[in-house]
Amino acid sequence: MDLDTFFTGCEDDNPVNKTLREEEINVLKKGLSSLEEKYKKAIFLKYFKDKDYKEIAKIEGINIKSAYGRVFYGIKKLRDSLISIGKN
C-alpha cells in the first residue's frame, strides 16, 4: 500500500503548520511502514476511509472478529513502533 494515500488532503497553507504537519506525517509513515500490509490496510480503512468493521471484513474477505483484531493489533503495533521511533 502506498503510504502517501494515507495523507492525501492533509495540506496546510500556513508555513509553520505545514512544517509541523510534514514532520508528523514522516513519523507516521515510518511507523506505518513497519506494519504488515494487512494491518496497514485495516487502519487505513477504519481511520482514513471511515469504514466500520463489517465493511472492512467484507472488503478484506474476512469475518468481523478478524477485522476488529486487525485494527486493534495494527494500532497496538503502530503505537509500539512510534514509541520506538521517539526513543531514537
Protein backbone atom coordinates (compact mmCIF):
# COMPACT_ATOMS: atom_id res chain seq x y z
CA MET A 1 0.00 0.00 0.00
CA ASP A 2 1.29 3.44 -0.92
CA LEU A 3 1.68 5.37 2.33
CA ASP A 4 1.10 8.71 0.58
CA THR A 5 -2.50 7.57 0.11
CA PHE A 6 -2.99 7.88 3.87
CA PHE A 7 -2.16 11.57 3.88
CA THR A 8 -3.85 12.94 0.77
CA GLY A 9 -5.68 16.13 1.67
CA CYS A 10 -3.57 16.96 4.73
CA GLU A 11 -2.08 20.10 3.23
CA ASP A 12 -1.98 23.43 5.10
CA ASP A 13 -1.02 26.84 3.72
CA ASN A 14 0.49 28.16 6.97
CA PRO A 15 4.28 27.54 6.72
CA VAL A 16 4.70 26.64 10.41
CA ASN A 17 1.72 24.28 10.43
CA LYS A 18 2.86 22.82 7.13
CA THR A 19 6.34 22.06 8.51
CA LEU A 20 4.96 20.52 11.70
CA ARG A 21 2.42 18.50 9.73
CA GLU A 22 5.14 17.22 7.38
CA GLU A 23 7.21 16.10 10.39
CA GLU A 24 4.20 14.33 11.90
CA ILE A 25 3.43 12.65 8.59
CA ASN A 26 7.04 11.48 8.20
CA VAL A 27 6.99 9.91 11.67
CA LEU A 28 3.65 8.23 10.95
CA LYS A 29 4.96 6.95 7.61
CA LYS A 30 7.93 5.38 9.39
CA GLY A 31 5.62 3.74 11.89
CA LEU A 32 3.17 2.53 9.27
CA SER A 33 5.94 1.19 7.05
CA SER A 34 6.91 -1.21 9.83
CA LEU A 35 3.45 -2.84 9.81
CA GLU A 36 2.36 -5.86 7.84
CA GLU A 37 0.16 -4.98 4.87
CA LYS A 38 -3.00 -6.43 6.47
CA TYR A 39 -2.64 -4.08 9.47
CA LYS A 40 -1.87 -1.04 7.31
CA LYS A 41 -4.92 -1.66 5.17
CA ALA A 42 -7.21 -2.22 8.18
CA ILE A 43 -6.04 1.04 9.80
CA PHE A 44 -6.43 2.89 6.51
CA LEU A 45 -9.96 1.63 6.00
CA LYS A 46 -11.04 2.30 9.59
CA TYR A 47 -9.48 5.69 10.27
CA PHE A 48 -8.95 7.26 6.86
CA LYS A 49 -11.95 5.89 4.96
CA ASP A 50 -14.36 5.72 7.95
CA LYS A 51 -15.32 2.11 7.28
CA ASP A 52 -16.93 0.11 10.07
CA TYR A 53 -15.76 -3.39 10.98
CA LYS A 54 -18.46 -5.04 8.89
CA GLU A 55 -17.34 -3.10 5.81
CA ILE A 56 -13.66 -3.86 6.50
CA ALA A 57 -14.50 -7.54 6.83
CA LYS A 58 -16.36 -7.53 3.51
CA ILE A 59 -13.59 -5.65 1.67
CA GLU A 60 -10.87 -7.93 3.06
CA GLY A 61 -12.86 -11.15 2.76
CA ILE A 62 -12.57 -11.93 6.48
CA ASN A 63 -15.01 -12.18 9.38
CA ILE A 64 -15.88 -9.21 11.59
CA LYS A 65 -13.87 -10.54 14.53
CA SER A 66 -10.76 -10.69 12.34
CA ALA A 67 -11.39 -7.15 11.07
CA TYR A 68 -11.60 -5.92 14.65
CA GLY A 69 -8.41 -7.81 15.51
CA ARG A 70 -6.50 -6.35 12.58
CA VAL A 71 -7.43 -2.81 13.55
CA PHE A 72 -6.75 -3.41 17.24
CA TYR A 73 -3.39 -5.12 16.77
CA GLY A 74 -2.44 -2.77 13.95
CA ILE A 75 -2.91 0.23 16.24
CA LYS A 76 -1.02 -1.54 19.02
CA LYS A 77 1.88 -2.33 16.71
CA LEU A 78 1.82 1.22 15.33
CA ARG A 79 1.93 2.66 18.85
CA ASP A 80 4.88 0.43 19.75
CA SER A 81 6.65 1.45 16.56
CA LEU A 82 6.07 5.17 17.22
CA ILE A 83 7.37 4.80 20.77
CA SER A 84 10.48 3.12 19.40
CA ILE A 85 10.95 5.88 16.80
CA GLY A 86 10.57 8.51 19.52
CA LYS A 87 13.36 6.92 21.56
CA ASN A 88 15.81 7.26 18.66
